[in-house]
Protein backbone atom coordinates (compact mmCIF):
# COMPACT_ATOMS: atom_id res chain seq x y z
CA LYS A 1 11.37 11.00 21.97
CA ASP A 2 9.13 12.82 24.46
CA ASP A 3 9.26 16.04 22.43
CA LYS A 4 7.64 14.51 19.35
CA GLY A 5 4.10 15.21 20.56
CA TYR A 6 0.98 13.10 20.19
CA ILE A 7 -0.70 12.41 16.86
CA SER A 8 -3.89 14.25 15.88
CA LEU A 9 -6.15 14.07 12.85
CA LYS A 10 -6.40 17.28 10.87
CA ILE A 11 -9.12 18.24 8.36
CA THR A 12 -8.16 21.18 6.13
CA THR A 13 -11.62 22.73 6.34
CA GLU A 14 -10.30 26.07 5.09
CA HIS A 15 -9.66 24.49 1.68
CA PRO A 16 -12.54 24.24 -0.85
CA TRP A 17 -11.78 20.50 -1.12
CA PRO A 18 -10.65 19.42 2.38
CA MET A 19 -8.40 16.46 3.10
CA VAL A 20 -7.59 14.45 6.23
CA SER A 21 -4.02 14.01 7.45
CA LEU A 22 -2.08 12.78 10.47
CA VAL A 23 -0.06 15.47 12.25
CA ARG A 24 2.04 15.77 15.39
CA LEU A 25 1.27 18.84 17.48
CA LYS A 26 3.41 20.68 19.98
CA GLY A 27 1.93 23.43 22.08
CA ALA A 28 -1.30 25.19 21.13
CA THR A 29 -3.52 23.81 18.37
CA PRO A 30 -3.12 25.84 15.14
CA ARG A 31 -6.09 27.55 13.53
CA ASP A 32 -5.44 26.32 9.98
CA GLY A 33 -8.06 23.56 10.05
CA THR A 34 -10.17 21.34 12.27
CA TYR A 35 -8.26 19.03 14.63
CA PHE A 36 -9.32 15.87 16.44
CA GLY A 37 -7.16 14.40 19.17
CA PRO A 38 -4.54 14.17 20.31
CA TYR A 39 -4.51 10.37 20.35
CA THR A 40 -2.33 8.88 23.06
CA SER A 41 -2.04 5.76 20.86
CA ALA A 42 -0.44 6.33 17.47
CA THR A 43 -1.85 2.98 16.37
CA ALA A 44 -5.39 4.10 17.17
CA ALA A 45 -4.88 7.34 15.24
CA ARG A 46 -3.57 5.52 12.19
CA GLN A 47 -6.40 2.97 12.34
CA MET A 48 -8.96 5.77 12.35
CA PHE A 49 -7.11 7.46 9.48
CA ASP A 50 -7.17 4.21 7.48
CA LEU A 51 -10.87 3.72 8.25
CA ILE A 52 -11.65 7.21 6.95
CA GLY A 53 -9.62 6.55 3.80
CA THR A 54 -11.53 3.33 3.16
CA CYS A 55 -15.04 4.63 3.87
CA PHE A 56 -14.80 8.16 2.49
CA PRO A 57 -12.99 8.82 -0.84
CA LEU A 58 -11.47 12.19 0.05
CA ARG A 59 -8.38 13.45 -1.73
CA GLN A 60 -4.99 12.45 -0.29
CA CYS A 61 -2.66 14.61 -2.39
CA SER A 62 -0.99 17.85 -1.31
CA ASP A 63 -2.50 21.21 -2.25
CA GLU A 64 0.30 21.72 -4.78
CA GLU A 65 -0.29 18.41 -6.54
CA PHE A 66 -4.07 18.93 -6.36
CA ALA A 67 -3.70 22.22 -8.24
CA ARG A 68 -1.45 20.67 -10.90
CA ARG A 69 -3.37 17.53 -11.73
CA THR A 70 -5.10 17.16 -15.09
CA ARG A 71 -6.21 13.54 -14.68
CA PRO A 72 -7.22 11.32 -11.76
CA CYS A 73 -4.56 9.30 -9.95
CA ILE A 74 -4.61 5.56 -9.33
CA LEU A 75 -6.47 6.08 -6.04
CA TYR A 76 -9.50 6.98 -8.13
CA GLN A 77 -9.27 3.67 -9.97
CA ILE A 78 -9.25 1.67 -6.74
CA LYS A 79 -12.14 3.78 -5.36
CA ARG A 80 -10.10 5.44 -2.60
CA CYS A 81 -10.55 8.97 -4.04
CA CYS A 82 -13.43 10.64 -5.91
CA ALA A 83 -11.05 12.81 -8.01
CA PRO A 84 -12.18 16.34 -7.11
CA CYS A 85 -8.97 17.57 -8.76
CA VAL A 86 -10.48 16.98 -12.22
CA GLY A 87 -14.12 17.67 -11.42
CA LEU A 88 -15.41 14.10 -11.17
CA VAL A 89 -17.42 14.86 -8.02
CA SER A 90 -19.74 17.74 -7.15
CA ARG A 91 -18.94 20.15 -4.34
CA ASP A 92 -22.11 19.12 -2.47
CA GLU A 93 -21.32 15.40 -2.66
CA TYR A 94 -17.75 16.00 -1.51
CA GLN A 95 -18.88 18.17 1.40
CA GLY A 96 -21.24 15.36 2.39
CA TYR A 97 -18.21 13.08 2.76
CA VAL A 98 -16.36 15.75 4.77
CA GLN A 99 -19.26 16.32 7.16
CA SER A 100 -19.60 12.55 7.65
CA VAL A 101 -15.92 12.30 8.58
CA ILE A 102 -16.35 15.12 11.10
CA ALA A 103 -19.45 13.41 12.52
CA LEU A 104 -17.57 10.11 12.79
CA LEU A 105 -14.71 11.76 14.66
CA LYS A 106 -17.23 13.40 17.01
CA GLY A 107 -18.74 10.00 17.77
CA GLN A 108 -21.96 10.65 15.82
CA SER A 109 -21.91 7.24 14.16
CA ALA A 110 -25.68 7.03 13.59
CA ALA A 111 -25.58 10.16 11.44
CA VAL A 112 -22.71 8.74 9.40
CA LEU A 113 -24.50 5.45 8.76
CA LYS A 114 -27.66 7.37 7.77
CA PHE A 115 -25.68 9.45 5.26
CA LEU A 116 -24.10 6.36 3.70
CA THR A 117 -27.45 4.54 3.60
CA ASP A 118 -29.18 7.54 1.97
CA GLU A 119 -26.41 7.76 -0.64
CA MET A 120 -26.69 4.02 -1.32
CA ASN A 121 -30.45 4.28 -1.82
CA ARG A 122 -30.07 7.35 -4.03
CA ALA A 123 -27.54 5.55 -6.24
CA SER A 124 -29.76 2.47 -6.42
CA GLU A 125 -32.79 4.53 -7.47
CA ALA A 126 -30.65 6.12 -10.20
CA LEU A 127 -29.72 2.59 -11.40
CA GLU A 128 -26.08 3.23 -10.45
CA PHE A 129 -25.72 -0.22 -8.95
CA GLU A 130 -21.91 -0.28 -8.86
CA LYS A 131 -21.88 2.95 -6.87
CA ALA A 132 -24.61 1.60 -4.58
CA GLY A 133 -22.47 -1.49 -3.99
CA GLU A 134 -19.53 0.70 -2.97
CA PHE A 135 -21.68 2.44 -0.36
CA LEU A 136 -22.89 -0.93 0.93
CA GLU A 137 -19.29 -2.10 1.43
CA ARG A 138 -18.52 1.09 3.37
CA ILE A 139 -21.59 0.59 5.54
CA LYS A 140 -20.58 -3.00 6.35
CA LEU A 141 -17.02 -2.00 7.20
CA LEU A 142 -18.14 0.88 9.40
CA GLU A 143 -20.75 -1.25 11.18
CA GLY A 144 -18.05 -3.80 11.96
CA ILE A 145 -15.81 -1.13 13.48
CA LEU A 146 -18.67 0.37 15.47
CA GLU A 147 -19.64 -3.06 16.79
CA LYS A 148 -16.04 -3.48 17.91
CA GLN A 149 -16.25 -0.19 19.80
CA ASN A 150 -19.39 -1.39 21.57
CA VAL A 151 -17.63 -4.48 22.90
CA ASP A 152 -14.25 -2.91 23.63
CA ALA A 153 -14.78 -3.16 27.36
CA THR A 154 -15.99 -6.75 27.39
CA THR A 155 -12.50 -8.20 27.80
CA ASP A 156 -9.93 -6.77 30.18
CA ARG A 157 -7.42 -9.55 29.47
CA ASP A 158 -4.79 -9.30 26.76
CA THR A 159 -6.45 -11.11 23.88
CA ASP A 160 -5.64 -12.02 20.28
CA VAL A 161 -8.69 -12.68 18.10
CA TRP A 162 -8.33 -14.56 14.81
CA GLY A 163 -10.57 -14.53 11.75
CA MET A 164 -10.22 -16.10 8.31
CA HIS A 165 -11.80 -15.55 4.92
CA ARG A 166 -11.23 -17.92 2.01
CA GLU A 167 -12.32 -17.96 -1.61
CA GLY A 168 -11.01 -20.96 -3.48
CA SER A 169 -7.26 -21.19 -2.94
CA ASP A 170 -6.83 -17.55 -1.81
CA VAL A 171 -6.97 -16.76 1.91
CA VAL A 172 -6.68 -13.81 4.27
CA VAL A 173 -6.10 -14.50 7.97
CA THR A 174 -6.60 -11.58 10.36
CA LYS A 175 -5.39 -11.10 13.93
CA LEU A 176 -6.92 -8.35 16.08
CA LEU A 177 -4.99 -7.34 19.20
CA TRP A 178 -6.99 -6.32 22.27
CA ARG A 179 -4.88 -4.97 25.11
CA GLY A 180 -6.45 -3.58 28.26
CA SER A 181 -9.95 -3.77 26.70
CA LYS A 182 -8.92 -1.67 23.68
CA LEU A 183 -8.17 -2.68 20.12
CA ILE A 184 -4.60 -1.50 19.53
CA GLY A 185 -3.80 -3.05 16.17
CA SER A 186 -4.33 -5.70 13.55
CA HIS A 187 -2.20 -7.96 11.37
CA HIS A 188 -3.20 -9.53 8.06
CA PHE A 189 -1.64 -12.59 6.45
CA ASP A 190 -2.24 -13.27 2.74
CA PHE A 191 -1.98 -16.67 1.09
CA GLU A 192 -2.42 -17.53 -2.58
CA LYS A 193 -2.91 -20.86 -4.30
CA VAL A 194 -3.04 -22.85 -1.06
CA GLY A 195 -4.52 -26.32 -0.78
CA GLY A 196 -5.74 -28.35 2.16
CA GLU A 197 -8.46 -27.64 4.67
CA SER A 198 -9.00 -24.19 6.15
CA ASP A 199 -8.76 -25.40 9.75
CA GLU A 200 -5.37 -26.99 9.04
CA LEU A 201 -4.11 -23.80 7.40
CA LEU A 202 -5.22 -21.69 10.39
CA GLU A 203 -3.51 -24.08 12.80
CA SER A 204 -0.28 -23.88 10.76
CA VAL A 205 -0.43 -20.06 10.80
CA LEU A 206 -0.94 -20.03 14.57
CA VAL A 207 1.99 -22.39 15.21
CA GLN A 208 4.39 -20.38 13.04
CA HIS A 209 3.17 -17.07 14.41
CA TYR A 210 3.28 -17.80 18.13
CA LEU A 211 6.54 -19.74 18.06
CA SER A 212 8.44 -17.01 16.23
CA ALA A 213 11.07 -15.18 18.27
CA ALA A 214 9.32 -11.83 17.79
CA THR A 215 6.01 -13.11 19.17
CA LEU A 216 7.16 -15.22 22.12
CA SER A 217 7.69 -12.15 24.30
CA VAL A 218 4.15 -10.79 23.75
CA ILE A 219 1.96 -13.86 24.11
CA PRO A 220 -1.55 -12.82 25.26
CA SER A 221 -3.57 -14.42 28.04
CA ASP A 222 -6.38 -15.47 25.67
CA ILE A 223 -6.44 -16.54 22.03
CA LEU A 224 -9.91 -16.50 20.44
CA LEU A 225 -10.55 -18.37 17.18
CA SER A 226 -13.48 -17.87 14.82
CA ARG A 227 -13.27 -21.53 13.76
CA ASP A 228 -12.07 -24.83 15.17
CA ILE A 229 -8.62 -26.28 14.49
CA PRO A 230 -7.55 -29.95 14.46
CA ASP A 231 -5.76 -30.03 17.83
CA PRO A 232 -6.25 -26.90 19.98
CA GLN A 233 -4.89 -28.55 23.13
CA ALA A 234 -1.62 -29.47 21.42
CA LEU A 235 -1.19 -25.86 20.28
CA THR A 236 -1.91 -24.55 23.78
CA ASP A 237 0.63 -26.94 25.31
CA LEU A 238 3.24 -26.03 22.70
CA ILE A 239 2.88 -22.29 23.33
CA ALA A 240 2.94 -22.77 27.10
CA ASP A 241 6.07 -24.90 26.85
CA GLN A 242 7.89 -22.35 24.70
CA CYS A 243 6.95 -19.14 26.52
CA LYS A 244 6.47 -20.57 30.03
CA LYS A 245 3.05 -18.98 30.28
CA LYS A 246 -0.46 -20.41 30.53
CA VAL A 247 -2.60 -19.46 27.55
CA ASP A 248 -6.33 -20.06 27.11
CA LEU A 249 -7.30 -20.95 23.54
CA ILE A 250 -11.04 -20.46 23.10
CA ILE A 251 -13.43 -21.12 20.22
CA PRO A 252 -16.53 -19.28 21.51
CA VAL A 253 -20.02 -20.23 20.38
CA ARG A 254 -21.98 -17.37 21.97
CA GLY A 255 -21.67 -14.20 24.02
CA GLU A 256 -19.27 -11.28 23.83
CA LYS A 257 -16.25 -13.37 22.88
CA LYS A 258 -18.20 -14.70 19.92
CA LYS A 259 -18.86 -11.08 18.90
CA LEU A 260 -15.13 -10.40 18.95
CA CYS A 261 -14.58 -13.36 16.63
CA GLN A 262 -17.30 -12.10 14.30
CA ILE A 263 -15.54 -8.75 14.12
CA ALA A 264 -12.27 -10.46 13.20
CA GLN A 265 -14.15 -12.47 10.58
CA LEU A 266 -15.70 -9.32 9.06
CA ASN A 267 -12.29 -7.66 9.10
CA ALA A 268 -10.74 -10.58 7.21
CA GLU A 269 -13.57 -10.52 4.67
CA ALA A 270 -13.27 -6.76 4.06
CA THR A 271 -9.48 -7.01 3.74
CA PHE A 272 -9.81 -9.89 1.28
CA LYS A 273 -12.23 -7.96 -0.93
CA GLN A 274 -10.16 -4.78 -0.86
CA ARG A 275 -6.98 -6.59 -1.82
CA LYS A 276 -8.73 -8.73 -4.43
CA ASP A 277 -10.18 -5.63 -6.11
CA ALA A 278 -6.76 -3.96 -6.17
CA ALA A 279 -5.13 -7.15 -7.52
CA GLN A 280 -7.70 -7.41 -10.31
CA ILE A 281 -7.07 -3.81 -11.33
CA ARG A 282 -3.32 -4.46 -11.43
CA GLU A 283 -3.78 -7.68 -13.41
CA LYS A 284 -5.90 -5.91 -16.04
CA ALA A 285 -3.29 -3.15 -16.29
CA LEU A 286 -0.56 -5.74 -16.92
CA ILE A 287 -2.63 -7.49 -19.60
CA ASP A 288 -3.25 -4.13 -21.27
CA MET A 289 0.44 -3.29 -20.94
CA GLN A 290 1.46 -6.40 -22.83
CA GLU A 291 -1.03 -5.59 -25.59
CA LYS A 292 -0.48 -1.84 -25.95
CA LEU A 293 3.31 -2.02 -25.77
CA SER A 294 3.47 -5.19 -27.91
CA LEU A 295 5.51 -7.05 -25.29
CA SER A 296 6.61 -10.61 -26.00
CA ARG A 297 5.88 -11.71 -22.41
CA TYR A 298 3.26 -11.02 -19.77
CA PRO A 299 5.07 -8.50 -17.50
CA ARG A 300 4.62 -10.31 -14.19
CA VAL A 301 8.06 -9.21 -12.94
CA ILE A 302 9.21 -5.69 -13.80
CA ASP A 303 12.58 -4.10 -12.97
CA CYS A 304 12.90 -0.31 -13.19
CA PHE A 305 16.20 1.63 -13.06
CA ASP A 306 17.04 5.25 -12.33
CA ASN A 307 20.31 7.13 -11.85
CA SER A 308 21.13 10.17 -9.76
CA HIS A 309 24.14 12.34 -9.01
CA PHE A 310 24.83 15.61 -7.23
CA GLY A 311 26.75 18.00 -9.43
CA GLY A 312 28.64 15.10 -10.97
CA THR A 313 29.47 13.54 -7.59
CA GLU A 314 27.79 10.96 -5.34
CA LEU A 315 26.87 8.79 -8.32
CA VAL A 316 24.18 6.26 -7.40
CA SER A 317 21.57 4.08 -9.08
CA SER A 318 18.53 2.13 -7.99
CA CYS A 319 16.49 -0.82 -9.16
CA VAL A 320 12.95 -1.37 -7.92
CA THR A 321 11.07 -4.57 -8.70
CA TYR A 322 7.32 -5.01 -9.06
CA MET A 323 5.67 -8.43 -9.09
CA ASP A 324 2.08 -8.81 -10.29
CA GLY A 325 1.85 -5.02 -10.39
CA ALA A 326 2.78 -4.55 -6.71
CA LYS A 327 6.04 -3.64 -4.98
CA TYR A 328 8.37 -6.57 -4.34
CA LYS A 329 10.89 -5.00 -1.99
CA PRO A 330 13.09 -8.07 -1.34
CA ALA A 331 14.49 -7.56 -4.85
CA TRP A 332 15.09 -3.80 -4.54
CA ARG A 333 18.71 -2.71 -4.72
CA LYS A 334 20.78 0.47 -4.32
CA TYR A 335 24.08 0.83 -6.16
CA ARG A 336 27.12 3.03 -5.67
CA ILE A 337 28.60 3.62 -9.11
CA ARG A 338 32.23 2.48 -9.19
CA SER A 339 33.55 2.85 -12.73
CA VAL A 340 32.32 6.35 -13.56
CA GLU A 341 34.00 9.44 -12.13
CA LYS A 342 31.60 12.13 -13.32
CA GLY A 343 27.87 12.25 -13.97
CA ASP A 344 27.81 10.33 -17.27
CA ASP A 345 24.25 9.00 -17.17
CA TYR A 346 24.77 6.50 -19.98
CA ALA A 347 27.92 5.04 -18.42
CA MET A 348 26.15 4.83 -15.06
CA MET A 349 23.26 2.95 -16.64
CA LYS A 350 25.66 0.57 -18.37
CA GLU A 351 27.40 -0.28 -15.10
CA VAL A 352 24.29 -0.86 -13.03
CA LEU A 353 22.63 -3.02 -15.68
CA GLU A 354 25.72 -5.18 -16.04
CA ARG A 355 26.03 -5.62 -12.28
CA ARG A 356 22.36 -6.48 -11.91
CA TYR A 357 21.99 -8.90 -14.80
CA VAL A 358 25.27 -10.79 -14.76
CA LYS A 359 24.15 -12.11 -11.39
CA ALA A 360 20.47 -12.43 -12.30
CA LYS A 361 21.27 -14.43 -15.43
CA ALA A 362 23.52 -16.80 -13.50
CA GLU A 363 20.72 -17.33 -10.96
CA ASN A 364 18.05 -17.68 -13.66
CA ASN A 365 16.24 -14.76 -12.05
CA LEU A 366 15.59 -12.39 -14.95
CA PRO A 367 12.53 -10.12 -15.09
CA ASP A 368 9.90 -10.13 -17.81
CA LEU A 369 10.20 -6.40 -18.46
CA ILE A 370 12.99 -3.87 -17.87
CA VAL A 371 11.98 -0.22 -17.59
CA ILE A 372 14.58 2.53 -17.90
CA ASP A 373 13.92 6.05 -16.65
CA GLY A 374 15.21 7.90 -19.69
CA GLY A 375 14.97 8.38 -23.43
CA LYS A 376 16.32 6.90 -26.66
CA GLY A 377 19.95 7.13 -25.56
CA HIS A 378 19.31 5.22 -22.35
CA LEU A 379 17.34 2.61 -24.30
CA ARG A 380 20.23 2.13 -26.73
CA VAL A 381 22.74 1.64 -23.89
CA ALA A 382 20.46 -0.84 -22.13
CA ALA A 383 19.93 -2.81 -25.34
CA GLU A 384 23.69 -3.01 -25.86
CA VAL A 385 24.18 -4.39 -22.34
CA LEU A 386 21.52 -7.06 -22.82
CA LYS A 387 23.04 -8.03 -26.17
CA LYS A 388 26.50 -8.26 -24.61
CA LEU A 389 25.13 -10.52 -21.85
CA ASP A 390 23.19 -12.59 -24.40
CA ILE A 391 19.88 -11.88 -22.66
CA VAL A 392 17.02 -12.18 -25.14
CA SER A 393 14.10 -13.14 -22.92
CA CYS A 394 13.43 -9.70 -21.40
CA ASP A 395 11.32 -6.95 -22.96
CA LEU A 396 12.91 -3.51 -22.71
CA ILE A 397 11.38 -0.03 -22.71
CA ALA A 398 12.39 3.48 -21.65
CA ILE A 399 9.95 6.03 -20.28
CA ALA A 400 10.56 9.77 -20.29
CA LYS A 401 8.59 12.95 -19.76
CA GLU A 402 8.88 15.80 -22.20
CA GLY A 403 11.62 17.96 -20.76
CA GLY A 404 12.64 15.15 -18.39
CA ARG A 405 10.35 16.41 -15.63
CA HIS A 406 8.86 14.23 -12.89
CA ASP A 407 5.83 16.36 -12.03
CA LYS A 408 2.67 14.32 -12.24
CA GLY A 409 -0.07 14.91 -14.77
CA GLN A 410 1.52 17.88 -16.52
CA THR A 411 3.62 16.62 -19.42
CA ARG A 412 3.12 13.74 -21.79
CA GLU A 413 4.97 10.52 -21.15
CA ARG A 414 6.88 9.04 -24.08
CA ILE A 415 7.66 5.33 -24.13
CA PHE A 416 10.51 4.13 -26.33
CA LYS A 417 10.98 0.60 -27.63
CA GLU A 418 13.92 -0.85 -29.49
CA GLY A 419 13.26 -1.05 -33.23
CA SER A 420 10.60 1.67 -33.19
CA SER A 421 11.49 5.15 -34.43
CA LYS A 422 8.46 6.85 -32.88
CA PRO A 423 7.66 6.88 -29.17
CA ILE A 424 4.46 5.35 -27.84
CA VAL A 425 2.15 7.91 -26.22
CA LEU A 426 -0.54 6.31 -24.08
CA ASP A 427 -3.90 7.86 -23.27
CA ALA A 428 -3.68 10.20 -20.30
CA HIS A 429 -6.24 8.12 -18.38
CA SER A 430 -4.71 4.74 -19.22
CA SER A 431 -4.25 2.31 -16.31
CA VAL A 432 -1.08 1.14 -18.07
CA LEU A 433 0.30 4.66 -17.89
CA PHE A 434 -0.68 5.00 -14.22
CA LEU A 435 1.19 1.81 -13.35
CA LEU A 436 4.31 2.69 -15.36
CA GLN A 437 4.38 6.15 -13.79
CA ALA A 438 4.05 4.68 -10.31
CA ILE A 439 6.93 2.27 -10.94
CA ARG A 440 9.16 4.92 -12.49
CA ASP A 441 8.39 7.45 -9.76
CA GLU A 442 9.15 4.87 -7.06
CA ALA A 443 12.56 4.18 -8.64
CA HIS A 444 13.17 7.94 -8.73
CA ARG A 445 12.17 8.37 -5.07
CA PHE A 446 14.26 5.38 -4.01
CA VAL A 447 17.45 6.60 -5.69
CA LEU A 448 17.01 10.19 -4.43
CA ALA A 449 16.55 8.94 -0.87
CA PHE A 450 19.74 6.89 -1.20
CA GLN A 451 21.71 9.83 -2.57
CA THR A 452 20.40 12.18 0.13
CA ALA A 453 21.40 9.72 2.85
CA ARG A 454 24.90 9.42 1.39
CA ARG A 455 25.31 13.20 1.20
CA LYS A 456 24.23 13.58 4.82
CA LYS A 457 26.67 10.90 5.90
CA ALA A 458 29.48 12.55 3.93
CA SER A 459 28.63 15.93 5.46
CA ILE A 460 28.73 14.55 9.02
CA THR A 461 32.02 12.77 8.34
CA SER A 462 33.49 15.97 6.90
CA ARG A 463 32.50 18.02 9.95
CA LEU A 464 33.97 15.42 12.30
CA ASP A 465 37.25 15.51 10.37
């Protein structure tokens, strides 16, 4: 793996609307942009990349997709992109973001904070309070990271630092990993609808985390907690007994260790807010989906199917599942088609639906909505399968682009429902459409990746023979 090269951050400053990306360099640095790095730690590079994406809403799409787009993507809705592709930001404002990113990567943090503060004040004076609030969140997040950098060297022992943020029954617990006086990573643990006291929940998380097989081999010297737990000594003894190593569990009240805990606390709070905002956007999209598509059920669980074949061979299908508008990968499945010899898309769909839902019905594990990547014919086949299996509790739709293309933002999506002669055409900027496109495109990507892997395997086997 030594020939892979170190990771650098690249800004495509030669483009009118620059973007930031992670790249691996070998040899001399190219002249097709501005590069920062290389980073000897891939984790550090990715953390900086994520920080930039959170604080500065620069585009993240390729030049090709940027040129094609006619409407903003879902990143615009969750405030991670300012949609320069469709003219929703001025060139001057966008260049301000770019120059701030460059300043941040050069270590000029004071200039970056001044830019964000000036933009916040400007938005506030213009009575754009929502926009001003967004700048305030970015300032808080950046200040937390910068404070972390100021105290990086205060601990030379391997240390895990824990923070927690709770609102009602929803909780985010954050672990920051300091190794050799540097922050090398973070882990976040989400909990919904939990009861009990916060200190008891944190203690339970710590016990499960540190006694897992994956963690026992990397126990740190110090564990810092931002809040007390019921029995810290019992936890320390338990960890020491399991890993045969002395561990200091500390709940600091002042000094540099307290600062580390405050950073973990701020990190947990920022993560909670970011995920809550995204969850609220998804929930609203699902409510709108039920209304605009006249669904009989709230589509909490959605299955989406797509087929693929290569010249009539290597017939495969996929099913991706979304729960509460987010990917639920434990339920994702790939299928090799068994009963169809050539690329009959309808017969392939019939087989995969029967295989999926015979089992799901027996396990009482049916989705609320089934989405088929296809048109009226695919919808008819799917409806026949559900009728044959006596499944009446699932809503069923098919989604297709005009011409069957998968390029984003170029052709109108048509949504077909059983019993309706005309397709439903949603507004181009509809959050419902964004979500359905994301689900359908993920099923398409998943099945193509599976087919490509099978073709590669077949090619290698053929050469060996």
